[in-house]
Amino acid sequence: MPLNFIDNQAVRSASSQTLPVIDPADGQPYDTIERSSAADVDMAVQAARRCLDTTWSRLSAAERGRLLMKLSAKVAEHADELATIEQRDCGKPTQQARADALALVRYFEFYAGAADKLHGDTIPYLDGYSVLTWREPHGVTGHVIPWNYPMQIFGRSVGGALAAGNTCVVKPSEDACLSLIRVAGLAAEVGFPAGALNIVTGYGHEVGDALARHPGVDHISFTGSPRVGTLIQQAAAERHCPVTLELGGKGPQIVFEDADIDAALPFLVSAIVQNSGQTCSAGSRLLVQRGLYEPLLARLGEVFRALRAGPPALDPDLGPLIRQTQLERVRGFLDQARADGIATVAAGHVMDEVAAGGYYAAPVLLRDVPPGHRLAQEEVFGPVLAAMPFDDEDHAVALANGTAFGLVAGVWTRDGARQFRMARRVKAGQVFVNNYGAGGGVELPFGGVKSSGYGREKGFEALLGFTTLKTVAFRHG
């Protein structure tokens, strides 16, 4: 039974209560985790503060980088083990689980190399003064990690925080936390001091809320829904604690008539099918210029009909959704689409080999979705692609920007001037031109605008976000 990891030790929760760990492939429990409370959060925060004050703050940036590099190598050594854990915990196909473990390796590697590159500036000022700035860690950072990409989001959040000199308390999702507990153990094995990295499991409304409200936490990083993001902000605001929020998206894939369809097609499919559509950056809206609309839907339909949802170990195109409530949510969107007369172009199928209790949903391609419909406005978080036509650039921009979200967008056109115009006009934190996702891009700052949140993770920009800037002015005559 995995326990909380606090002060480099596996510990029971104060209540000794547990929660079941469910395999989404068959709907059956196979382990338990701790149902922690505010008391456990307090224990973890105190451990992180002790480490910060007595050990972590005394390490040089280069020494922190070396520890992160050792952890990167250790994770690489255990990549198969971690992928197996994540596969069963999250229902990920083998290839995706393996890719997530290797992405975690790369995040730690990147932030290991960046740790001693975090420089301040000197500022020209009045005669007789020398002014400089220092980048200092916030202190103890809290991290609320979702269930869709536990290892990847842990890497981009915790990796940057540790590199910048913070100590961390992590609240993983109760639906997917086993791989992160294992990684914390590996961190202790390679020499991370006790208290540098702490994991506390349990429900969001109990542990997540306690972490956001704890007076000893100096910064909160949260990835999840806009509704919960609002609650996190409100709790942190009571004590003026800064937050970084990544709150989902409704990503448009904008395809012009001059696009290279052969190049675009694999991206259009993978951007909605990857991780069973449970991806904040999913390309869930397909905007196609009218002259290309029917031909593109016909080709996409052929691909969708061949897609398979099945047991993760068979490495199908997509595995199960994370839980029963998520399956019901996806089914609810599709039921409403049928009731509203929205036509289905094509759907994949669920393989015969799946267990009866698994949470499987076949990928679906819908057409002529009205721009104001739920399917065009709300995050389904499932393998449902909503297609709609547009006439010209202005129309495409209006549709692309016509939701509350602004996380990721894709633009497909051979016209170089149009590429730049669209990249500037579309309101999103990331815009990909003639690609989508850039292969993950550990180095690429990631975050949103509007209801998709604020602040940035990934890349060097995230490292800056885990620091505060101090200005020092010397008067020397």
Protein backbone atom coordinates (compact mmCIF):
# COMPACT_ATOMS: atom_id res chain seq x y z
CA MET A 1 0.00 0.00 0.00
CA PRO A 2 1.60 3.32 -1.04
CA LEU A 3 1.85 5.79 1.82
CA ASN A 4 2.41 9.53 1.99
CA PHE A 5 6.04 10.54 1.48
CA ILE A 6 7.08 13.17 4.01
CA ASP A 7 10.60 14.03 5.21
CA ASN A 8 11.99 11.17 3.07
CA GLN A 9 9.81 8.64 4.88
CA ALA A 10 6.71 6.66 3.95
CA VAL A 11 4.11 7.59 6.57
CA ARG A 12 0.48 6.80 7.30
CA SER A 13 -2.04 9.62 7.31
CA ALA A 14 -3.10 11.03 10.67
CA SER A 15 -6.54 9.44 10.28
CA SER A 16 -5.25 6.08 8.96
CA GLN A 17 -8.14 6.20 6.48
CA THR A 18 -7.59 5.02 2.92
CA LEU A 19 -9.04 5.43 -0.57
CA PRO A 20 -9.27 2.70 -3.22
CA VAL A 21 -7.06 2.79 -6.30
CA ILE A 22 -9.19 1.84 -9.33
CA ASP A 23 -7.87 0.32 -12.56
CA PRO A 24 -9.77 2.19 -15.31
CA ALA A 25 -9.26 -0.74 -17.67
CA ASP A 26 -11.66 -2.92 -15.67
CA GLY A 27 -13.17 -0.65 -13.02
CA GLN A 28 -11.80 -2.77 -10.18
CA PRO A 29 -9.83 -1.65 -7.10
CA TYR A 30 -6.33 -3.07 -6.82
CA ASP A 31 -4.62 -0.99 -4.12
CA THR A 32 -5.23 1.81 -1.63
CA ILE A 33 -3.75 5.24 -0.91
CA GLU A 34 -3.90 7.43 2.17
CA ARG A 35 -6.92 9.67 2.69
CA SER A 36 -4.99 12.56 4.17
CA SER A 37 -6.21 15.72 5.87
CA ALA A 38 -5.05 19.18 6.90
CA ALA A 39 -2.94 17.60 9.64
CA ASP A 40 -0.90 15.67 7.07
CA VAL A 41 -0.51 18.77 4.91
CA ASP A 42 0.79 20.64 7.93
CA MET A 43 3.32 17.89 8.63
CA ALA A 44 4.56 18.06 5.03
CA VAL A 45 4.77 21.86 4.98
CA GLN A 46 6.73 21.85 8.23
CA ALA A 47 9.14 19.29 6.77
CA ALA A 48 9.57 21.39 3.63
CA ARG A 49 10.20 24.52 5.72
CA ARG A 50 12.83 22.81 7.87
CA CYS A 51 14.61 21.57 4.78
CA LEU A 52 14.46 25.01 3.19
CA ASP A 53 15.86 26.76 6.25
CA THR A 54 18.53 24.24 7.23
CA THR A 55 19.67 22.41 4.07
CA TRP A 56 18.17 23.29 0.71
CA SER A 57 18.84 27.04 0.91
CA ARG A 58 22.50 26.34 1.68
CA LEU A 59 23.08 24.32 -1.47
CA SER A 60 24.47 26.18 -4.43
CA ALA A 61 22.47 26.30 -7.64
CA ALA A 62 25.02 23.97 -9.20
CA GLU A 63 24.52 21.44 -6.39
CA ARG A 64 20.75 21.54 -6.85
CA GLY A 65 21.30 20.99 -10.55
CA ARG A 66 23.50 17.96 -9.89
CA LEU A 67 20.82 16.40 -7.68
CA LEU A 68 18.20 16.94 -10.37
CA MET A 69 20.52 15.38 -12.94
CA LYS A 70 20.99 12.35 -10.69
CA LEU A 71 17.21 12.10 -10.35
CA SER A 72 16.84 12.34 -14.13
CA ALA A 73 19.24 9.43 -14.55
CA LYS A 74 17.46 7.43 -11.85
CA VAL A 75 14.08 7.95 -13.48
CA ALA A 76 15.56 6.85 -16.80
CA GLU A 77 16.83 3.71 -15.09
CA HIS A 78 13.33 3.01 -13.77
CA ALA A 79 11.40 4.24 -16.81
CA ASP A 80 9.83 0.86 -17.57
CA GLU A 81 8.73 0.43 -13.97
CA LEU A 82 7.23 3.92 -13.85
CA ALA A 83 5.48 3.42 -17.19
CA THR A 84 3.93 0.19 -15.91
CA ILE A 85 2.70 1.93 -12.77
CA GLU A 86 1.25 4.82 -14.76
CA GLN A 87 -0.35 2.51 -17.30
CA ARG A 88 -2.42 0.70 -14.71
CA ASP A 89 -3.14 3.79 -12.62
CA CYS A 90 -4.27 5.96 -15.56
CA GLY A 91 -5.24 3.48 -18.28
CA LYS A 92 -2.58 4.72 -20.69
CA PRO A 93 -1.55 2.64 -23.71
CA THR A 94 1.98 1.30 -23.44
CA GLN A 95 3.50 3.78 -25.87
CA GLN A 96 1.95 6.79 -24.11
CA ALA A 97 2.96 5.61 -20.63
CA ARG A 98 6.52 5.06 -21.79
CA ALA A 99 6.60 8.50 -23.45
CA ASP A 100 5.42 10.12 -20.22
CA ALA A 101 8.21 8.46 -18.22
CA LEU A 102 10.81 9.63 -20.73
CA ALA A 103 9.33 13.14 -20.67
CA LEU A 104 9.84 13.18 -16.91
CA VAL A 105 13.49 12.27 -17.51
CA ARG A 106 13.81 15.19 -19.89
CA TYR A 107 12.11 17.69 -17.53
CA PHE A 108 14.52 16.89 -14.71
CA GLU A 109 17.43 17.00 -17.15
CA PHE A 110 16.37 20.39 -18.52
CA TYR A 111 15.89 21.99 -15.10
CA ALA A 112 19.11 20.42 -13.83
CA GLY A 113 20.98 22.28 -16.56
CA ALA A 114 19.02 25.49 -16.00
CA ALA A 115 19.44 25.69 -12.21
CA ASP A 116 22.69 27.69 -12.28
CA LYS A 117 21.63 29.82 -15.26
CA LEU A 118 19.10 31.84 -13.25
CA HIS A 119 20.76 35.26 -13.25
CA GLY A 120 19.81 38.71 -12.04
CA ASP A 121 20.64 42.04 -13.72
CA THR A 122 22.49 45.25 -13.06
CA ILE A 123 20.55 48.44 -13.69
CA PRO A 124 22.18 51.75 -14.72
CA TYR A 125 21.06 54.38 -12.22
CA LEU A 126 22.14 57.66 -10.59
CA ASP A 127 25.78 58.61 -10.12
CA GLY A 128 27.05 57.10 -6.90
CA TYR A 129 24.64 54.13 -6.99
CA SER A 130 24.96 50.53 -8.10
CA VAL A 131 21.67 48.68 -8.49
CA LEU A 132 21.21 44.98 -9.10
CA THR A 133 18.46 42.37 -8.99
CA TRP A 134 18.49 38.89 -7.47
CA ARG A 135 16.23 35.96 -8.27
CA GLU A 136 15.17 34.29 -5.03
CA PRO A 137 12.93 31.25 -4.49
CA HIS A 138 9.43 31.77 -3.12
CA GLY A 139 10.15 29.29 -0.33
CA VAL A 140 7.78 26.34 0.11
CA THR A 141 5.73 25.71 -3.03
CA GLY A 142 2.52 23.69 -3.22
CA HIS A 143 1.70 21.67 -6.34
CA VAL A 144 -1.73 20.27 -7.16
CA ILE A 145 -1.22 17.72 -9.96
CA PRO A 146 -4.08 16.33 -12.11
CA TRP A 147 -4.69 12.74 -13.17
CA ASN A 148 -4.26 13.01 -16.94
CA TYR A 149 -0.46 13.39 -17.10
CA PRO A 150 0.87 12.88 -13.56
CA MET A 151 4.53 12.36 -14.42
CA GLN A 152 4.73 15.04 -17.09
CA ILE A 153 3.00 17.76 -15.07
CA PHE A 154 4.98 16.80 -11.97
CA GLY A 155 8.17 17.20 -13.98
CA ARG A 156 7.40 20.59 -15.44
CA SER A 157 6.10 21.96 -12.12
CA VAL A 158 8.21 20.39 -9.40
CA GLY A 159 11.36 20.28 -11.56
CA GLY A 160 11.30 24.04 -12.06
CA ALA A 161 10.46 24.75 -8.43
CA LEU A 162 13.31 22.63 -7.07
CA ALA A 163 15.80 24.05 -9.55
CA ALA A 164 14.89 27.58 -8.47
CA GLY A 165 15.61 26.71 -4.83
CA ASN A 166 12.13 25.99 -3.46
CA THR A 167 11.09 22.96 -1.44
CA CYS A 168 7.87 21.24 -2.50
CA VAL A 169 4.66 19.74 -1.15
CA VAL A 170 2.74 17.86 -3.83
CA LYS A 171 -0.92 16.87 -3.79
CA PRO A 172 -1.48 14.41 -6.67
CA SER A 173 -4.94 13.51 -7.91
CA GLU A 174 -6.60 10.78 -5.90
CA ASP A 175 -7.21 9.07 -9.25
CA ALA A 176 -3.53 8.87 -10.24
CA CYS A 177 -0.69 9.29 -7.77
CA LEU A 178 1.27 6.03 -7.57
CA SER A 179 4.03 6.98 -10.02
CA LEU A 180 4.71 10.24 -8.16
CA ILE A 181 5.08 8.49 -4.82
CA ARG A 182 7.63 6.21 -6.47
CA VAL A 183 9.53 9.16 -7.97
CA ALA A 184 9.71 10.83 -4.55
CA GLY A 185 11.30 7.65 -3.23
CA LEU A 186 13.83 7.72 -6.06
CA ALA A 187 14.66 11.33 -5.18
CA ALA A 188 15.51 10.26 -1.64
CA GLU A 189 17.68 7.44 -3.01
CA VAL A 190 19.83 9.82 -5.06
CA GLY A 191 20.42 12.18 -2.14
CA PHE A 192 17.65 14.77 -1.99
CA PRO A 193 17.58 15.98 1.63
CA ALA A 194 14.63 15.09 3.83
CA GLY A 195 11.78 17.53 3.29
CA ALA A 196 12.83 18.78 -0.14
CA LEU A 197 10.06 16.81 -1.87
CA ASN A 198 6.90 15.67 -0.07
CA ILE A 199 3.79 13.85 -1.38
CA VAL A 200 0.41 13.95 0.38
CA THR A 201 -2.48 12.00 -1.15
CA GLY A 202 -6.22 12.38 -0.71
CA TYR A 203 -9.26 14.26 -1.95
CA GLY A 204 -8.94 17.70 -3.49
CA HIS A 205 -11.57 19.27 -1.25
CA GLU A 206 -9.63 18.06 1.79
CA VAL A 207 -5.92 17.99 0.95
CA GLY A 208 -5.89 20.43 -1.97
CA ASP A 209 -7.92 22.98 -0.04
CA ALA A 210 -5.68 22.63 3.03
CA LEU A 211 -2.57 23.10 0.89
CA ALA A 212 -3.96 26.24 -0.78
CA ARG A 213 -4.88 27.73 2.60
CA HIS A 214 -1.78 26.78 4.55
CA PRO A 215 0.06 29.90 5.80
CA GLY A 216 3.41 28.16 5.34
CA VAL A 217 2.99 27.72 1.58
CA ASP A 218 4.51 30.58 -0.43
CA HIS A 219 3.33 29.73 -3.96
CA ILE A 220 0.70 27.41 -5.46
CA SER A 221 0.87 25.71 -8.84
CA PHE A 222 -2.40 24.17 -10.03
CA THR A 223 -3.46 22.34 -13.18
CA GLY A 224 -7.12 21.40 -13.47
CA SER A 225 -10.59 22.74 -14.16
CA PRO A 226 -11.54 26.43 -14.17
CA ARG A 227 -14.04 25.79 -11.36
CA VAL A 228 -11.43 24.33 -9.03
CA GLY A 229 -8.90 26.91 -10.19
CA THR A 230 -11.24 29.61 -8.93
CA LEU A 231 -11.44 27.91 -5.54
CA ILE A 232 -7.64 27.66 -5.39
CA GLN A 233 -7.31 31.36 -6.22
CA GLN A 234 -9.84 32.34 -3.58
CA ALA A 235 -8.12 30.28 -0.90
CA ALA A 236 -4.67 31.60 -1.79
CA ALA A 237 -5.92 35.19 -2.05
CA GLU A 238 -6.90 35.18 1.62
CA ARG A 239 -3.18 35.32 2.42
CA HIS A 240 -1.95 36.96 -0.79
CA CYS A 241 -0.19 33.82 -1.99
CA PRO A 242 0.80 33.89 -5.68
CA VAL A 243 -0.53 31.15 -7.96
CA THR A 244 0.20 29.65 -11.37
CA LEU A 245 -2.92 28.24 -13.03
CA GLU A 246 -3.36 26.02 -16.09
CA LEU A 247 -7.11 25.55 -16.46
CA GLY A 248 -7.82 23.72 -19.69
CA GLY A 249 -8.69 24.66 -23.23
CA LYS A 250 -10.86 24.22 -26.28
CA GLY A 251 -8.09 24.17 -28.85
CA PRO A 252 -8.95 25.08 -32.46
CA GLN A 253 -7.24 23.42 -35.40
CA ILE A 254 -7.64 25.97 -38.22
CA VAL A 255 -7.22 24.40 -41.65
CA PHE A 256 -7.11 26.61 -44.76
CA GLU A 257 -7.76 25.41 -48.30
CA ASP A 258 -4.08 25.63 -49.22
CA ALA A 259 -2.95 23.39 -46.33
CA ASP A 260 -0.88 20.26 -46.84
CA ILE A 261 -3.57 17.76 -45.86
CA ASP A 262 -1.29 14.74 -45.96
CA ALA A 263 0.95 16.43 -43.39
CA ALA A 264 -1.95 17.73 -41.30
CA LEU A 265 -4.06 14.58 -41.06
CA PRO A 266 -1.99 12.64 -38.49
CA PHE A 267 -1.80 15.71 -36.24
CA LEU A 268 -5.54 16.40 -36.46
CA VAL A 269 -6.24 12.86 -35.30
CA SER A 270 -3.57 12.50 -32.61
CA ALA A 271 -4.40 15.88 -31.08
CA ILE A 272 -7.85 14.60 -30.06
CA VAL A 273 -7.13 10.89 -29.59
CA GLN A 274 -3.95 11.13 -27.49
CA ASN A 275 -4.62 10.10 -23.90
CA SER A 276 -8.24 9.39 -24.90
CA GLY A 277 -8.83 13.11 -25.42
CA GLN A 278 -8.08 13.79 -21.74
CA THR A 279 -5.64 16.57 -22.57
CA CYS A 280 -5.96 20.28 -21.79
CA SER A 281 -4.21 21.11 -25.05
CA ALA A 282 -6.33 18.73 -27.15
CA GLY A 283 -7.25 20.00 -30.62
CA SER A 284 -10.95 19.48 -29.95
CA ARG A 285 -12.37 21.97 -32.50
CA LEU A 286 -11.72 21.49 -36.21
CA LEU A 287 -12.22 24.71 -38.20
CA VAL A 288 -11.98 24.06 -41.94
CA GLN A 289 -12.21 26.54 -44.82
CA ARG A 290 -15.42 25.80 -46.70
CA GLY A 291 -13.89 24.63 -49.97
CA LEU A 292 -11.90 21.95 -48.15
CA TYR A 293 -14.56 21.02 -45.59
CA GLU A 294 -16.18 18.00 -47.27
CA PRO A 295 -12.96 16.45 -48.65
CA LEU A 296 -11.20 16.75 -45.30
CA LEU A 297 -14.13 15.30 -43.35
CA ALA A 298 -14.25 12.38 -45.76
CA ARG A 299 -10.58 11.58 -45.19
CA LEU A 300 -10.84 12.06 -41.44
CA GLY A 301 -13.87 9.80 -41.36
CA GLU A 302 -11.84 6.97 -42.85
CA VAL A 303 -9.21 7.35 -40.15
CA PHE A 304 -11.73 7.62 -37.30
CA ARG A 305 -13.54 4.44 -38.36
CA ALA A 306 -10.28 2.52 -37.98
CA LEU A 307 -9.43 3.83 -34.48
CA ARG A 308 -9.55 1.37 -31.59
CA ALA A 309 -10.14 1.95 -27.89
CA GLY A 310 -8.90 -1.03 -25.93
CA PRO A 311 -6.90 -2.58 -23.09
CA PRO A 312 -3.79 -0.47 -22.38
CA ALA A 313 -1.46 -3.47 -22.48
CA LEU A 314 -2.43 -4.12 -26.11
CA ASP A 315 -1.20 -0.58 -26.97
CA PRO A 316 -4.34 0.48 -28.89
CA ASP A 317 -4.97 3.96 -30.32
CA LEU A 318 -6.52 4.98 -27.02
CA GLY A 319 -7.17 3.40 -23.65
CA PRO A 320 -10.01 3.88 -21.17
CA LEU A 321 -11.10 7.15 -19.62
CA ILE A 322 -9.94 7.70 -16.06
CA ARG A 323 -13.18 6.94 -14.18
CA GLN A 324 -16.89 6.25 -14.48
CA THR A 325 -17.94 9.88 -13.99
CA GLN A 326 -15.68 10.94 -16.87
CA LEU A 327 -17.22 8.28 -19.11
CA GLU A 328 -20.68 9.52 -18.18
CA ARG A 329 -19.62 13.10 -18.96
CA VAL A 330 -18.48 12.15 -22.46
CA ARG A 331 -21.65 10.15 -23.07
CA GLY A 332 -23.70 13.12 -21.91
CA PHE A 333 -22.13 15.39 -24.53
CA LEU A 334 -22.79 12.81 -27.25
CA ASP A 335 -26.38 12.27 -26.12
CA GLN A 336 -26.99 16.00 -26.33
CA ALA A 337 -25.40 16.14 -29.78
CA ARG A 338 -27.83 13.48 -31.01
CA ALA A 339 -30.77 15.21 -29.38
CA ASP A 340 -29.79 18.49 -31.06
CA GLY A 341 -29.46 16.89 -34.49
CA ILE A 342 -25.67 17.20 -34.78
CA ALA A 343 -24.49 14.63 -37.30
CA THR A 344 -21.76 12.07 -36.71
CA VAL A 345 -19.28 11.72 -39.57
CA ALA A 346 -17.60 8.63 -38.17
CA ALA A 347 -16.74 6.81 -34.96
CA GLY A 348 -14.11 4.32 -33.95
CA HIS A 349 -14.86 1.20 -31.98
CA VAL A 350 -14.19 -0.39 -28.61
CA MET A 351 -12.25 -3.62 -28.94
CA ASP A 352 -13.86 -6.93 -27.99
CA GLU A 353 -10.98 -7.68 -25.61
CA VAL A 354 -11.94 -4.97 -23.08
CA ALA A 355 -13.13 -5.91 -19.61
CA ALA A 356 -16.82 -5.33 -18.97
CA GLY A 357 -16.25 -2.78 -16.21
CA GLY A 358 -13.71 -0.63 -18.08
CA TYR A 359 -14.35 3.04 -18.86
CA TYR A 360 -14.01 2.94 -22.64
CA ALA A 361 -15.28 5.53 -25.14
CA ALA A 362 -14.86 5.23 -28.91
CA PRO A 363 -13.53 8.36 -30.67
CA VAL A 364 -16.22 10.35 -32.49
CA LEU A 365 -16.06 12.96 -35.29
CA LEU A 366 -19.03 15.36 -35.39
CA ARG A 367 -19.82 17.86 -38.14
CA ASP A 368 -21.53 21.24 -38.47
CA VAL A 369 -21.36 21.91 -34.75
CA PRO A 370 -22.91 25.35 -34.08
CA PRO A 371 -20.27 27.74 -32.65
CA GLY A 372 -22.41 28.46 -29.60
CA HIS A 373 -23.16 24.83 -28.78
CA ARG A 374 -21.76 23.15 -25.65
CA LEU A 375 -19.61 20.94 -27.86
CA ALA A 376 -17.94 24.02 -29.31
CA GLN A 377 -17.64 25.90 -26.04
CA GLU A 378 -16.97 23.44 -23.22
CA GLU A 379 -14.09 21.09 -22.58
CA VAL A 380 -15.36 17.54 -23.11
CA PHE A 381 -12.08 15.93 -22.00
CA GLY A 382 -12.76 12.92 -24.16
CA PRO A 383 -12.14 11.74 -27.76
CA VAL A 384 -14.77 13.95 -29.40
CA LEU A 385 -13.81 16.20 -32.33
CA ALA A 386 -16.25 18.99 -33.28
CA ALA A 387 -15.92 20.20 -36.90
CA MET A 388 -17.31 23.41 -38.40
CA PRO A 389 -16.65 25.36 -41.63
CA PHE A 390 -15.38 28.92 -42.04
CA ASP A 391 -15.27 31.30 -45.01
CA ASP A 392 -12.17 33.49 -44.63
CA GLU A 393 -9.50 34.62 -42.17
CA ASP A 394 -11.77 36.95 -40.25
CA HIS A 395 -14.37 34.24 -39.86
CA ALA A 396 -11.70 31.74 -38.75
CA VAL A 397 -10.34 34.16 -36.13
CA ALA A 398 -13.82 34.88 -34.81
CA LEU A 399 -14.53 31.17 -34.39
CA ALA A 400 -11.10 30.40 -32.93
CA ASN A 401 -11.37 33.18 -30.35
CA GLY A 402 -15.07 32.59 -29.70
CA THR A 403 -14.71 30.60 -26.48
CA ALA A 404 -13.74 31.42 -22.91
CA PHE A 405 -10.51 29.47 -23.35
CA GLY A 406 -7.14 30.34 -24.88
CA LEU A 407 -4.55 27.63 -24.34
CA VAL A 408 -3.35 26.11 -27.64
CA ALA A 409 -4.23 26.58 -31.31
CA GLY A 410 -3.06 25.08 -34.59
CA VAL A 411 -2.89 26.84 -37.97
CA TRP A 412 -2.50 24.91 -41.23
CA THR A 413 -1.63 26.95 -44.33
CA ARG A 414 1.19 27.25 -46.85
CA ASP A 415 0.76 31.06 -47.06
CA GLY A 416 3.66 32.55 -45.08
CA ALA A 417 2.05 35.93 -44.50
CA ARG A 418 -1.16 34.29 -43.35
CA GLN A 419 0.82 32.14 -40.92
CA PHE A 420 2.10 35.24 -39.15
CA ARG A 421 -1.24 37.05 -39.27
CA MET A 422 -3.07 34.13 -37.74
CA ALA A 423 -0.40 33.50 -35.11
CA ARG A 424 -0.78 37.11 -33.97
CA ARG A 425 -4.59 37.24 -34.09
CA VAL A 426 -5.46 33.97 -32.39
CA LYS A 427 -5.70 34.39 -28.62
CA ALA A 428 -3.81 31.47 -27.15
CA GLY A 429 -0.74 30.81 -25.04
CA GLN A 430 0.73 28.59 -27.74
CA VAL A 431 0.11 28.68 -31.50
CA PHE A 432 1.52 25.91 -33.68
CA VAL A 433 1.84 26.54 -37.41
CA ASN A 434 1.79 23.46 -39.66
CA ASN A 435 2.25 21.24 -36.61
CA TYR A 436 0.55 20.69 -33.29
CA GLY A 437 2.39 20.25 -30.00
CA ALA A 438 5.95 20.35 -31.39
CA GLY A 439 6.66 16.91 -29.98
CA GLY A 440 5.94 17.92 -26.40
CA GLY A 441 8.51 20.70 -26.19
CA VAL A 442 9.93 20.62 -22.65
CA GLU A 443 11.72 23.86 -23.52
CA LEU A 444 8.59 25.68 -24.73
CA PRO A 445 6.71 27.92 -22.23
CA PHE A 446 3.19 26.57 -21.73
CA GLY A 447 0.11 28.27 -20.33
CA GLY A 448 -3.00 30.12 -21.33
CA VAL A 449 -4.96 33.33 -21.52
CA LYS A 450 -8.56 34.07 -20.57
CA SER A 451 -10.16 31.16 -18.68
CA SER A 452 -7.22 28.90 -19.53
CA GLY A 453 -5.30 30.49 -16.65
CA TYR A 454 -2.14 32.51 -16.25
CA GLY A 455 1.52 32.04 -15.54
CA ARG A 456 3.74 29.66 -17.49
CA GLU A 457 5.10 26.19 -16.98
CA LYS A 458 7.78 24.43 -19.03
CA GLY A 459 10.90 26.06 -20.40
CA PHE A 460 13.02 28.71 -18.73
CA GLU A 461 9.98 30.94 -18.22
CA ALA A 462 8.69 28.49 -15.61
CA LEU A 463 11.94 28.83 -13.69
CA LEU A 464 11.37 32.58 -13.47
CA GLY A 465 7.84 31.97 -12.23
CA PHE A 466 9.14 29.98 -9.28
CA THR A 467 11.20 32.94 -8.10
CA THR A 468 10.59 36.41 -6.78
CA LEU A 469 12.68 39.39 -7.87
CA LYS A 470 14.57 41.44 -5.30
CA THR A 471 16.07 44.83 -6.17
CA VAL A 472 19.16 45.92 -4.21
CA ALA A 473 20.43 49.51 -4.46
CA PHE A 474 23.91 50.40 -3.10
CA ARG A 475 24.84 54.04 -2.49
CA HIS A 476 28.60 54.31 -2.46
CA GLY A 477 29.25 57.95 -3.38
